[in-house]
PDB file of all heavy atoms in Angstrom:
ATOM      1  N   GLY A   1     -29.370  55.699 124.327  1.00  0.00           N
ATOM      2  CA  GLY A   1     -29.953  56.431 123.250  1.00  0.00           C
ATOM      3  C   GLY A   1     -31.200  55.625 122.726  1.00  0.00           C
ATOM      4  O   GLY A   1     -31.321  54.516 123.031  1.00  0.00           O
ATOM      5  N   PHE A   2     -31.940  56.291 121.837  1.00  0.00           N
ATOM      6  CA  PHE A   2     -33.062  55.628 121.255  1.00  0.00           C
ATOM      7  C   PHE A   2     -33.379  56.232 119.818  1.00  0.00           C
ATOM      8  O   PHE A   2     -33.064  57.464 119.600  1.00  0.00           O
ATOM      9  CB  PHE A   2     -34.302  55.606 122.150  1.00  0.00           C
ATOM     10  CG  PHE A   2     -34.743  56.939 122.473  1.00  0.00           C
ATOM     11  CD1 PHE A   2     -35.680  57.608 121.777  1.00  0.00           C
ATOM     12  CD2 PHE A   2     -34.145  57.602 123.633  1.00  0.00           C
ATOM     13  CE1 PHE A   2     -36.052  58.895 122.136  1.00  0.00           C
ATOM     14  CE2 PHE A   2     -34.579  58.913 123.979  1.00  0.00           C
ATOM     15  CZ  PHE A   2     -35.603  59.525 123.166  1.00  0.00           C
ATOM     16  N   TYR A   3     -34.067  55.482 118.995  1.00  0.00           N
ATOM     17  CA  TYR A   3     -34.446  56.100 117.729  1.00  0.00           C
ATOM     18  C   TYR A   3     -36.040  56.463 117.919  1.00  0.00           C
ATOM     19  O   TYR A   3     -36.774  55.733 118.322  1.00  0.00           O
ATOM     20  CB  TYR A   3     -34.258  55.115 116.679  1.00  0.00           C
ATOM     21  CG  TYR A   3     -32.960  54.810 116.177  1.00  0.00           C
ATOM     22  CD1 TYR A   3     -32.252  53.790 116.621  1.00  0.00           C
ATOM     23  CD2 TYR A   3     -32.290  55.712 115.287  1.00  0.00           C
ATOM     24  CE1 TYR A   3     -30.919  53.567 116.368  1.00  0.00           C
ATOM     25  CE2 TYR A   3     -31.007  55.567 114.907  1.00  0.00           C
ATOM     26  CZ  TYR A   3     -30.214  54.485 115.437  1.00  0.00           C
ATOM     27  OH  TYR A   3     -28.969  54.337 115.041  1.00  0.00           O
ATOM     28  N   THR A   4     -36.314  57.655 117.368  1.00  0.00           N
ATOM     29  CA  THR A   4     -37.574  58.147 117.322  1.00  0.00           C
ATOM     30  C   THR A   4     -37.877  58.871 115.988  1.00  0.00           C
ATOM     31  O   THR A   4     -37.060  59.518 115.416  1.00  0.00           O
ATOM     32  CB  THR A   4     -38.031  59.044 118.443  1.00  0.00           C
ATOM     33  OG1 THR A   4     -39.296  59.627 118.230  1.00  0.00           O
ATOM     34  CG2 THR A   4     -36.945  60.272 118.455  1.00  0.00           C
ATOM     35  N   PRO A   5     -39.188  58.735 115.402  1.00  0.00           N
ATOM     36  CA  PRO A   5     -39.473  59.452 114.085  1.00  0.00           C
ATOM     37  C   PRO A   5     -39.709  60.855 114.520  1.00  0.00           C
ATOM     38  O   PRO A   5     -39.728  61.658 113.415  1.00  0.00           O
ATOM     39  CB  PRO A   5     -40.813  58.818 113.663  1.00  0.00           C
ATOM     40  CG  PRO A   5     -41.444  58.157 115.000  1.00  0.00           C
ATOM     41  CD  PRO A   5     -40.292  57.758 115.807  1.00  0.00           C
ATOM     42  N   THR A   6     -39.946  61.342 115.689  1.00  0.00           N
ATOM     43  CA  THR A   6     -40.077  62.728 116.030  1.00  0.00           C
ATOM     44  C   THR A   6     -38.909  63.600 115.469  1.00  0.00           C
ATOM     45  O   THR A   6     -37.835  63.160 115.830  1.00  0.00           O
ATOM     46  CB  THR A   6     -40.407  63.018 117.433  1.00  0.00           C
ATOM     47  OG1 THR A   6     -41.528  62.128 117.826  1.00  0.00           O
ATOM     48  CG2 THR A   6     -40.628  64.386 117.635  1.00  0.00           C
ATOM     49  N   ALA A   7     -39.125  64.593 114.810  1.00  0.00           N
ATOM     50  CA  ALA A   7     -38.070  65.550 114.272  1.00  0.00           C
ATOM     51  C   ALA A   7     -37.443  65.062 113.003  1.00  0.00           C
ATOM     52  O   ALA A   7     -36.580  65.767 112.518  1.00  0.00           O
ATOM     53  CB  ALA A   7     -37.059  65.862 115.336  1.00  0.00           C
ATOM     54  N   PHE A   8     -37.714  63.836 112.572  1.00  0.00           N
ATOM     55  CA  PHE A   8     -37.109  63.426 111.334  1.00  0.00           C
ATOM     56  C   PHE A   8     -37.458  64.320 110.114  1.00  0.00           C
ATOM     57  O   PHE A   8     -38.650  64.705 110.049  1.00  0.00           O
ATOM     58  CB  PHE A   8     -37.584  61.909 110.920  1.00  0.00           C
ATOM     59  CG  PHE A   8     -37.008  61.330 109.730  1.00  0.00           C
ATOM     60  CD1 PHE A   8     -35.599  60.950 109.738  1.00  0.00           C
ATOM     61  CD2 PHE A   8     -37.665  61.442 108.481  1.00  0.00           C
ATOM     62  CE1 PHE A   8     -35.092  60.384 108.505  1.00  0.00           C
ATOM     63  CE2 PHE A   8     -37.061  60.948 107.325  1.00  0.00           C
ATOM     64  CZ  PHE A   8     -35.805  60.399 107.424  1.00  0.00           C
ATOM     65  N   GLY A   9     -36.516  64.676 109.363  1.00  0.00           N
ATOM     66  CA  GLY A   9     -36.700  65.512 108.306  1.00  0.00           C
ATOM     67  C   GLY A   9     -36.774  66.972 108.630  1.00  0.00           C
ATOM     68  O   GLY A   9     -37.079  67.840 107.755  1.00  0.00           O
ATOM     69  N   THR A  10     -36.644  67.373 109.888  1.00  0.00           N
ATOM     70  CA  THR A  10     -36.703  68.777 110.335  1.00  0.00           C
ATOM     71  C   THR A  10     -35.307  69.310 110.691  1.00  0.00           C
ATOM     72  O   THR A  10     -34.346  68.541 110.879  1.00  0.00           O
ATOM     73  CB  THR A  10     -37.534  68.945 111.490  1.00  0.00           C
ATOM     74  OG1 THR A  10     -37.013  68.433 112.767  1.00  0.00           O
ATOM     75  CG2 THR A  10     -38.947  68.211 111.237  1.00  0.00           C
ATOM     76  N   GLU A  11     -35.289  70.662 111.039  1.00  0.00           N
ATOM     77  CA  GLU A  11     -33.923  71.212 111.402  1.00  0.00           C
ATOM     78  C   GLU A  11     -33.435  70.567 112.677  1.00  0.00           C
ATOM     79  O   GLU A  11     -32.255  70.563 112.953  1.00  0.00           O
ATOM     80  CB  GLU A  11     -34.090  72.678 111.538  1.00  0.00           C
ATOM     81  CG  GLU A  11     -34.331  73.434 110.222  1.00  0.00           C
ATOM     82  CD  GLU A  11     -34.387  74.943 110.535  1.00  0.00           C
ATOM     83  OE1 GLU A  11     -34.012  75.363 111.606  1.00  0.00           O
ATOM     84  OE2 GLU A  11     -34.883  75.637 109.530  1.00  0.00           O
ATOM     85  N   LEU A  12     -34.395  70.047 113.492  1.00  0.00           N
ATOM     86  CA  LEU A  12     -34.009  69.490 114.865  1.00  0.00           C
ATOM     87  C   LEU A  12     -33.208  68.067 114.684  1.00  0.00           C
ATOM     88  O   LEU A  12     -32.531  67.690 115.577  1.00  0.00           O
ATOM     89  CB  LEU A  12     -35.179  69.207 115.626  1.00  0.00           C
ATOM     90  CG  LEU A  12     -36.004  70.491 116.138  1.00  0.00           C
ATOM     91  CD1 LEU A  12     -37.072  70.085 117.093  1.00  0.00           C
ATOM     92  CD2 LEU A  12     -35.044  71.539 116.816  1.00  0.00           C
ATOM     93  N   ALA A  13     -33.284  67.547 113.497  1.00  0.00           N
ATOM     94  CA  ALA A  13     -32.507  66.350 113.191  1.00  0.00           C
ATOM     95  C   ALA A  13     -31.135  66.650 112.702  1.00  0.00           C
ATOM     96  O   ALA A  13     -30.287  65.702 112.376  1.00  0.00           O
ATOM     97  CB  ALA A  13     -33.279  65.380 112.262  1.00  0.00           C
ATOM     98  N   ALA A  14     -30.797  67.910 112.417  1.00  0.00           N
ATOM     99  CA  ALA A  14     -29.391  68.156 111.726  1.00  0.00           C
ATOM    100  C   ALA A  14     -28.282  67.761 112.634  1.00  0.00           C
ATOM    101  O   ALA A  14     -28.260  67.830 113.902  1.00  0.00           O
ATOM    102  CB  ALA A  14     -29.404  69.686 111.647  1.00  0.00           C
ATOM    103  N   GLY A  15     -27.379  66.987 111.879  1.00  0.00           N
ATOM    104  CA  GLY A  15     -26.298  66.441 112.560  1.00  0.00           C
ATOM    105  C   GLY A  15     -26.404  65.215 113.408  1.00  0.00           C
ATOM    106  O   GLY A  15     -25.479  64.725 114.081  1.00  0.00           O
ATOM    107  N   LYS A  16     -27.610  64.584 113.445  1.00  0.00           N
ATOM    108  CA  LYS A  16     -27.925  63.463 114.186  1.00  0.00           C
ATOM    109  C   LYS A  16     -27.933  62.217 113.165  1.00  0.00           C
ATOM    110  O   LYS A  16     -28.318  62.340 112.104  1.00  0.00           O
ATOM    111  CB  LYS A  16     -29.170  63.577 114.963  1.00  0.00           C
ATOM    112  CG  LYS A  16     -29.187  64.745 116.083  1.00  0.00           C
ATOM    113  CD  LYS A  16     -30.504  64.840 116.778  1.00  0.00           C
ATOM    114  CE  LYS A  16     -30.534  66.025 117.760  1.00  0.00           C
ATOM    115  NZ  LYS A  16     -31.769  66.186 118.520  1.00  0.00           N
ATOM    116  N   GLU A  17     -27.669  61.030 113.822  1.00  0.00           N
ATOM    117  CA  GLU A  17     -27.750  59.895 113.022  1.00  0.00           C
ATOM    118  C   GLU A  17     -29.213  59.598 112.745  1.00  0.00           C
ATOM    119  O   GLU A  17     -30.161  59.674 113.649  1.00  0.00           O
ATOM    120  CB  GLU A  17     -27.165  58.687 113.803  1.00  0.00           C
ATOM    121  CG  GLU A  17     -27.077  57.395 113.011  1.00  0.00           C
ATOM    122  CD  GLU A  17     -26.517  56.330 113.836  1.00  0.00           C
ATOM    123  OE1 GLU A  17     -25.637  56.587 114.719  1.00  0.00           O
ATOM    124  OE2 GLU A  17     -26.815  55.096 113.567  1.00  0.00           O
ATOM    125  N   VAL A  18     -29.420  59.198 111.556  1.00  0.00           N
ATOM    126  CA  VAL A  18     -30.862  58.705 111.031  1.00  0.00           C
ATOM    127  C   VAL A  18     -30.809  57.412 110.469  1.00  0.00           C
ATOM    128  O   VAL A  18     -29.911  56.928 109.904  1.00  0.00           O
ATOM    129  CB  VAL A  18     -31.598  59.718 110.221  1.00  0.00           C
ATOM    130  CG1 VAL A  18     -31.647  61.064 110.837  1.00  0.00           C
ATOM    131  CG2 VAL A  18     -30.641  59.777 108.847  1.00  0.00           C
ATOM    132  N   LYS A  19     -31.932  56.710 110.652  1.00  0.00           N
ATOM    133  CA  LYS A  19     -32.127  55.310 110.299  1.00  0.00           C
ATOM    134  C   LYS A  19     -33.609  55.112 109.712  1.00  0.00           C
ATOM    135  O   LYS A  19     -34.491  55.931 110.237  1.00  0.00           O
ATOM    136  CB  LYS A  19     -31.815  54.235 111.127  1.00  0.00           C
ATOM    137  CG  LYS A  19     -30.253  54.042 111.410  1.00  0.00           C
ATOM    138  CD  LYS A  19     -29.991  52.808 112.326  1.00  0.00           C
ATOM    139  CE  LYS A  19     -28.476  52.667 112.402  1.00  0.00           C
ATOM    140  NZ  LYS A  19     -27.701  52.271 111.333  1.00  0.00           N
ATOM    141  N   VAL A  20     -33.812  54.229 108.799  1.00  0.00           N
ATOM    142  CA  VAL A  20     -35.162  53.957 108.441  1.00  0.00           C
ATOM    143  C   VAL A  20     -35.554  52.589 108.995  1.00  0.00           C
ATOM    144  O   VAL A  20     -34.809  51.480 108.713  1.00  0.00           O
ATOM    145  CB  VAL A  20     -35.262  53.983 106.882  1.00  0.00           C
ATOM    146  CG1 VAL A  20     -36.700  53.591 106.492  1.00  0.00           C
ATOM    147  CG2 VAL A  20     -35.063  55.376 106.439  1.00  0.00           C
ATOM    148  N   PHE A  21     -36.768  52.591 109.713  1.00  0.00           N
ATOM    149  CA  PHE A  21     -37.280  51.269 110.248  1.00  0.00           C
ATOM    150  C   PHE A  21     -38.611  51.033 109.605  1.00  0.00           C
ATOM    151  O   PHE A  21     -39.477  52.040 109.807  1.00  0.00           O
ATOM    152  CB  PHE A  21     -37.317  51.271 111.738  1.00  0.00           C
ATOM    153  CG  PHE A  21     -36.012  51.469 112.447  1.00  0.00           C
ATOM    154  CD1 PHE A  21     -35.406  52.688 112.897  1.00  0.00           C
ATOM    155  CD2 PHE A  21     -35.160  50.315 112.685  1.00  0.00           C
ATOM    156  CE1 PHE A  21     -34.339  52.671 113.469  1.00  0.00           C
ATOM    157  CE2 PHE A  21     -34.010  50.394 113.283  1.00  0.00           C
ATOM    158  CZ  PHE A  21     -33.479  51.581 113.696  1.00  0.00           C
ATOM    159  N   ASP A  22     -39.015  49.895 108.964  1.00  0.00           N
ATOM    160  CA  ASP A  22     -40.284  49.666 108.316  1.00  0.00           C
ATOM    161  C   ASP A  22     -40.774  50.791 107.504  1.00  0.00           C
ATOM    162  O   ASP A  22     -41.913  51.262 107.516  1.00  0.00           O
ATOM    163  CB  ASP A  22     -41.275  49.307 109.462  1.00  0.00           C
ATOM    164  CG  ASP A  22     -40.812  48.124 110.294  1.00  0.00           C
ATOM    165  OD1 ASP A  22     -40.306  47.159 109.576  1.00  0.00           O
ATOM    166  OD2 ASP A  22     -41.092  48.162 111.490  1.00  0.00           O
ATOM    167  N   GLY A  23     -39.771  51.411 106.749  1.00  0.00           N
ATOM    168  CA  GLY A  23     -40.131  52.432 105.900  1.00  0.00           C
ATOM    169  C   GLY A  23     -40.298  53.819 106.498  1.00  0.00           C
ATOM    170  O   GLY A  23     -40.677  54.802 105.818  1.00  0.00           O
ATOM    171  N   VAL A  24     -40.089  53.983 107.811  1.00  0.00           N
ATOM    172  CA  VAL A  24     -40.242  55.264 108.441  1.00  0.00           C
ATOM    173  C   VAL A  24     -38.889  55.841 109.045  1.00  0.00           C
ATOM    174  O   VAL A  24     -38.224  55.033 109.720  1.00  0.00           O
ATOM    175  CB  VAL A  24     -41.148  55.112 109.655  1.00  0.00           C
ATOM    176  CG1 VAL A  24     -41.380  56.413 110.426  1.00  0.00           C
ATOM    177  CG2 VAL A  24     -42.485  54.608 109.239  1.00  0.00           C
ATOM    178  N   GLY A  25     -38.665  57.071 108.724  1.00  0.00           N
ATOM    179  CA  GLY A  25     -37.314  57.628 109.121  1.00  0.00           C
ATOM    180  C   GLY A  25     -37.316  57.947 110.582  1.00  0.00           C
ATOM    181  O   GLY A  25     -38.346  58.385 111.241  1.00  0.00           O
ATOM    182  N   HIS A  26     -36.279  57.588 111.317  1.00  0.00           N
ATOM    183  CA  HIS A  26     -36.055  57.759 112.601  1.00  0.00           C
ATOM    184  C   HIS A  26     -34.741  58.501 112.979  1.00  0.00           C
ATOM    185  O   HIS A  26     -33.771  58.438 112.314  1.00  0.00           O
ATOM    186  CB  HIS A  26     -35.982  56.444 113.525  1.00  0.00           C
ATOM    187  CG  HIS A  26     -37.213  55.718 113.569  1.00  0.00           C
ATOM    188  ND1 HIS A  26     -37.943  55.205 112.421  1.00  0.00           N
ATOM    189  CD2 HIS A  26     -38.049  55.469 114.670  1.00  0.00           C
ATOM    190  CE1 HIS A  26     -39.088  54.703 112.876  1.00  0.00           C
ATOM    191  NE2 HIS A  26     -39.219  54.892 114.195  1.00  0.00           N
ATOM    192  N   VAL A  27     -34.743  59.266 113.976  1.00  0.00           N
ATOM    193  CA  VAL A  27     -33.618  60.003 114.486  1.00  0.00           C
ATOM    194  C   VAL A  27     -32.982  59.388 115.847  1.00  0.00           C
ATOM    195  O   VAL A  27     -33.827  59.210 116.641  1.00  0.00           O
ATOM    196  CB  VAL A  27     -33.945  61.548 114.796  1.00  0.00           C
ATOM    197  CG1 VAL A  27     -32.756  62.355 115.211  1.00  0.00           C
ATOM    198  CG2 VAL A  27     -34.594  62.178 113.566  1.00  0.00           C
ATOM    199  N   LEU A  28     -31.740  59.408 115.875  1.00  0.00           N
ATOM    200  CA  LEU A  28     -31.091  58.819 117.132  1.00  0.00           C
ATOM    201  C   LEU A  28     -31.035  59.981 118.121  1.00  0.00           C
ATOM    202  O   LEU A  28     -30.389  61.023 117.931  1.00  0.00           O
ATOM    203  CB  LEU A  28     -29.728  58.353 116.806  1.00  0.00           C
ATOM    204  CG  LEU A  28     -28.964  57.852 118.035  1.00  0.00           C
ATOM    205  CD1 LEU A  28     -29.548  56.641 118.788  1.00  0.00           C
ATOM    206  CD2 LEU A  28     -27.512  57.478 117.720  1.00  0.00           C
ATOM    207  N   GLU A  29     -31.631  59.866 119.252  1.00  0.00           N
ATOM    208  CA  GLU A  29     -31.665  60.850 120.420  1.00  0.00           C
ATOM    209  C   GLU A  29     -30.716  60.185 121.559  1.00  0.00           C
ATOM    210  O   GLU A  29     -31.051  59.029 121.949  1.00  0.00           O
ATOM    211  CB  GLU A  29     -33.046  61.174 120.796  1.00  0.00           C
ATOM    212  CG  GLU A  29     -33.912  61.810 119.857  1.00  0.00           C
ATOM    213  CD  GLU A  29     -33.459  63.245 119.501  1.00  0.00           C
ATOM    214  OE1 GLU A  29     -32.480  63.785 120.116  1.00  0.00           O
ATOM    215  OE2 GLU A  29     -34.149  63.876 118.549  1.00  0.00           O
ATOM    216  N   ARG A  30     -29.932  61.074 122.033  1.00  0.00           N
ATOM    217  CA  ARG A  30     -29.093  60.617 123.200  1.00  0.00           C
ATOM    218  C   ARG A  30     -29.688  60.775 124.427  1.00  0.00           C
ATOM    219  O   ARG A  30     -30.442  61.747 124.732  1.00  0.00           O
ATOM    220  CB  ARG A  30     -27.686  61.352 123.154  1.00  0.00           C
ATOM    221  CG  ARG A  30     -26.878  61.077 121.901  1.00  0.00           C
ATOM    222  CD  ARG A  30     -26.508  59.680 121.615  1.00  0.00           C
ATOM    223  NE  ARG A  30     -25.645  59.175 122.829  1.00  0.00           N
ATOM    224  CZ  ARG A  30     -24.344  59.298 122.768  1.00  0.00           C
ATOM    225  NH1 ARG A  30     -23.708  59.808 121.788  1.00  0.00           N
ATOM    226  NH2 ARG A  30     -23.694  58.859 123.865  1.00  0.00           N
ATOM    227  N   ALA A  31     -29.386  59.911 125.408  1.00  0.00           N
ATOM    228  CA  ALA A  31     -30.011  59.933 126.748  1.00  0.00           C
ATOM    229  C   ALA A  31     -29.499  61.256 127.451  1.00  0.00           C
ATOM    230  O   ALA A  31     -28.280  61.770 127.112  1.00  0.00           O
ATOM    231  CB  ALA A  31     -29.704  58.711 127.608  1.00  0.00           C
ATOM    232  N   ILE A  32     -30.150  61.773 128.402  1.00  0.00           N
ATOM    233  CA  ILE A  32     -29.730  62.896 129.265  1.00  0.00           C
ATOM    234  C   ILE A  32     -29.559  62.345 130.692  1.00  0.00           C
ATOM    235  O   ILE A  32     -30.397  61.701 131.378  1.00  0.00           O
ATOM    236  CB  ILE A  32     -30.839  63.911 129.299  1.00  0.00           C
ATOM    237  CG1 ILE A  32     -30.877  64.656 127.923  1.00  0.00           C
ATOM    238  CG2 ILE A  32     -30.556  64.908 130.421  1.00  0.00           C
ATOM    239  CD1 ILE A  32     -31.944  65.686 127.835  1.00  0.00           C
ATOM    240  N   ARG A  33     -28.330  62.730 131.308  1.00  0.00           N
ATOM    241  CA  ARG A  33     -28.122  62.592 132.792  1.00  0.00           C
ATOM    242  C   ARG A  33     -27.611  63.934 133.179  1.00  0.00           C
ATOM    243  O   ARG A  33     -27.151  64.668 132.444  1.00  0.00           O
ATOM    244  CB  ARG A  33     -27.208  61.484 132.978  1.00  0.00           C
ATOM    245  CG  ARG A  33     -27.792  60.043 132.864  1.00  0.00           C
ATOM    246  CD  ARG A  33     -27.031  58.992 133.632  1.00  0.00           C
ATOM    247  NE  ARG A  33     -26.764  59.222 135.019  1.00  0.00           N
ATOM    248  CZ  ARG A  33     -27.674  58.997 135.939  1.00  0.00           C
ATOM    249  NH1 ARG A  33     -28.666  58.445 135.696  1.00  0.00           N
ATOM    250  NH2 ARG A  33     -27.455  59.244 137.183  1.00  0.00           N
ATOM    251  N   ALA A  34     -27.762  64.196 134.350  1.00  0.00           N
ATOM    252  CA  ALA A  34     -27.417  65.508 134.969  1.00  0.00           C
ATOM    253  C   ALA A  34     -26.705  65.424 136.289  1.00  0.00           C
ATOM    254  O   ALA A  34     -26.733  64.308 136.912  1.00  0.00           O
ATOM    255  CB  ALA A  34     -28.754  66.467 135.142  1.00  0.00           C
ATOM    256  N   ASP A  35     -26.050  66.522 136.707  1.00  0.00           N
ATOM    257  CA  ASP A  35     -25.386  66.572 138.022  1.00  0.00           C
ATOM    258  C   ASP A  35     -26.554  66.642 139.159  1.00  0.00           C
ATOM    259  O   ASP A  35     -26.381  65.944 140.154  1.00  0.00           O
ATOM    260  CB  ASP A  35     -24.476  67.723 138.197  1.00  0.00           C
ATOM    261  CG  ASP A  35     -23.393  67.763 137.091  1.00  0.00           C
ATOM    262  OD1 ASP A  35     -22.798  66.718 136.969  1.00  0.00           O
ATOM    263  OD2 ASP A  35     -23.341  68.705 136.424  1.00  0.00           O
ATOM    264  N   TRP A  36     -27.544  67.344 138.937  1.00  0.00           N
ATOM    265  CA  TRP A  36     -28.600  67.684 139.891  1.00  0.00           C
ATOM    266  C   TRP A  36     -29.902  67.613 139.288  1.00  0.00           C
ATOM    267  O   TRP A  36     -30.170  67.807 138.134  1.00  0.00           O
ATOM    268  CB  TRP A  36     -28.479  69.050 140.441  1.00  0.00           C
ATOM    269  CG  TRP A  36     -27.094  69.325 141.179  1.00  0.00           C
ATOM    270  CD1 TRP A  36     -25.952  69.712 140.622  1.00  0.00           C
ATOM    271  CD2 TRP A  36     -26.914  69.141 142.565  1.00  0.00           C
ATOM    272  NE1 TRP A  36     -25.112  69.828 141.509  1.00  0.00           N
ATOM    273  CE2 TRP A  36     -25.509  69.599 142.691  1.00  0.00           C
ATOM    274  CE3 TRP A  36     -27.710  68.920 143.662  1.00  0.00           C
ATOM    275  CZ2 TRP A  36     -25.032  69.592 143.990  1.00  0.00           C
ATOM    276  CZ3 TRP A  36     -27.082  68.963 144.921  1.00  0.00           C
ATOM    277  CH2 TRP A  36     -25.830  69.306 145.085  1.00  0.00           C
ATOM    278  N   ALA A  37     -30.979  67.149 140.208  1.00  0.00           N
ATOM    279  CA  ALA A  37     -32.406  67.281 139.768  1.00  0.00           C
ATOM    280  C   ALA A  37     -33.012  67.939 140.846  1.00  0.00           C
ATOM    281  O   ALA A  37     -32.961  67.641 142.018  1.00  0.00           O
ATOM    282  CB  ALA A  37     -33.019  65.916 139.561  1.00  0.00           C
ATOM    283  N   PHE A  38     -33.701  69.116 140.434  1.00  0.00           N
ATOM    284  CA  PHE A  38     -34.568  69.948 141.446  1.00  0.00           C
ATOM    285  C   PHE A  38     -35.966  69.599 140.990  1.00  0.00           C
ATOM    286  O   PHE A  38     -36.374  69.866 139.966  1.00  0.00           O
ATOM    287  CB  PHE A  38     -34.369  71.380 141.260  1.00  0.00           C
ATOM    288  CG  PHE A  38     -32.942  71.806 141.900  1.00  0.00           C
ATOM    289  CD1 PHE A  38     -32.511  73.173 141.750  1.00  0.00           C
ATOM    290  CD2 PHE A  38     -31.981  70.980 142.364  1.00  0.00           C
ATOM    291  CE1 PHE A  38     -31.347  73.560 142.261  1.00  0.00           C
ATOM    292  CE2 PHE A  38     -30.831  71.299 142.787  1.00  0.00           C
ATOM    293  CZ  PHE A  38     -30.519  72.756 142.693  1.00  0.00           C
ATOM    294  N   ILE A  39     -36.680  68.979 141.937  1.00  0.00           N
ATOM    295  CA  ILE A  39     -38.173  68.531 141.704  1.00  0.00           C
ATOM    296  C   ILE A  39     -39.007  69.071 142.903  1.00  0.00           C
ATOM    297  O   ILE A  39     -38.463  69.352 143.956  1.00  0.00           O
ATOM    298  CB  ILE A  39     -38.311  66.998 141.386  1.00  0.00           C
ATOM    299  CG1 ILE A  39     -37.896  66.325 142.793  1.00  0.00           C
ATOM    300  CG2 ILE A  39     -37.354  66.531 140.380  1.00  0.00           C
ATOM    301  CD1 ILE A  39     -38.183  64.756 142.610  1.00  0.00           C
ATOM    302  N   ARG A  40     -40.255  69.003 142.594  1.00  0.00           N
ATOM    303  CA  ARG A  40     -41.253  69.409 143.640  1.00  0.00           C
ATOM    304  C   ARG A  40     -42.273  68.297 143.827  1.00  0.00           C
ATOM    305  O   ARG A  40     -42.851  67.875 142.770  1.00  0.00           O
ATOM    306  CB  ARG A  40     -41.974  70.775 143.325  1.00  0.00           C
ATOM    307  CG  ARG A  40     -42.918  71.176 144.368  1.00  0.00           C
ATOM    308  CD  ARG A  40     -43.457  72.651 144.033  1.00  0.00           C
ATOM    309  NE  ARG A  40     -44.226  73.121 145.226  1.00  0.00           N
ATOM    310  CZ  ARG A  40     -45.545  73.036 145.222  1.00  0.00           C
ATOM    311  NH1 ARG A  40     -46.241  72.399 144.292  1.00  0.00           N
ATOM    312  NH2 ARG A  40     -46.246  73.509 146.295  1.00  0.00           N
ATOM    313  N   ALA A  41     -42.573  67.942 145.115  1.00  0.00           N
ATOM    314  CA  ALA A  41     -43.550  66.857 145.377  1.00  0.00           C
ATOM    315  C   ALA A  41     -44.561  67.355 146.366  1.00  0.00           C
ATOM    316  O   ALA A  41     -44.394  68.404 147.041  1.00  0.00           O
ATOM    317  CB  ALA A  41     -42.716  65.564 145.829  1.00  0.00           C
ATOM    318  N   ARG A  42     -45.492  66.582 146.489  1.00  0.00           N
ATOM    319  CA  ARG A  42     -46.658  66.873 147.446  1.00  0.00           C
ATOM    320  C   ARG A  42     -46.210  66.491 148.933  1.00  0.00           C
ATOM    321  O   ARG A  42     -46.249  67.213 149.780  1.00  0.00           O
ATOM    322  CB  ARG A  42     -47.994  66.330 147.034  1.00  0.00           C
ATOM    323  CG  ARG A  42     -49.141  66.507 148.046  1.00  0.00           C
ATOM    324  CD  ARG A  42     -49.501  68.021 148.040  1.00  0.00           C
ATOM    325  NE  ARG A  42     -50.566  68.385 148.900  1.00  0.00           N
ATOM    326  CZ  ARG A  42     -50.375  68.738 150.219  1.00  0.00           C
ATOM    327  NH1 ARG A  42     -49.117  68.835 150.583  1.00  0.00           N
ATOM    328  NH2 ARG A  42     -51.287  68.937 151.019  1.00  0.00           N
ATOM    329  N   THR A  43     -45.858  65.164 149.045  1.00  0.00           N
ATOM    330  CA  THR A  43     -45.692  64.786 150.438  1.00  0.00           C
ATOM    331  C   THR A  43     -44.261  63.913 150.384  1.00  0.00           C
ATOM    332  O   THR A  43     -43.925  63.371 149.274  1.00  0.00           O
ATOM    333  CB  THR A  43     -46.708  63.761 151.026  1.00  0.00           C
ATOM    334  OG1 THR A  43     -46.944  62.716 150.178  1.00  0.00           O
ATOM    335  CG2 THR A  43     -47.935  64.597 151.063  1.00  0.00           C
ATOM    336  N   ALA A  44     -43.629  63.938 151.552  1.00  0.00           N
ATOM    337  CA  ALA A  44     -42.422  63.026 151.564  1.00  0.00           C
ATOM    338  C   ALA A  44     -42.281  62.571 153.110  1.00  0.00           C
ATOM    339  O   ALA A  44     -42.559  63.378 154.078  1.00  0.00           O
ATOM    340  CB  ALA A  44     -41.118  63.831 151.270  1.00  0.00           C
ATOM    341  N   ASP A  45     -41.730  61.318 153.361  1.00  0.00           N
ATOM    342  CA  ASP A  45     -41.227  60.986 154.582  1.00  0.00           C
ATOM    343  C   ASP A  45     -39.859  61.318 154.747  1.00  0.00           C
ATOM    344  O   ASP A  45     -39.281  61.687 153.780  1.00  0.00           O
ATOM    345  CB  ASP A  45     -41.717  59.540 154.890  1.00  0.00           C
ATOM    346  CG  ASP A  45     -41.162  58.548 153.936  1.00  0.00           C
ATOM    347  OD1 ASP A  45     -39.944  58.878 153.339  1.00  0.00           O
ATOM    348  OD2 ASP A  45     -41.702  57.455 153.581  1.00  0.00           O
TER     349      ASP A  45
END
């Protein structure tokens, strides 16, 4: 996970851990992993 100031003080931060770094509020966001990734590319070998 990582801390970001984005969403601090908004409804999107509800229930998440928050900390203050250098006077700026940050929200802890958890990493995302998935079972599958479906992507589109131009070329492949």
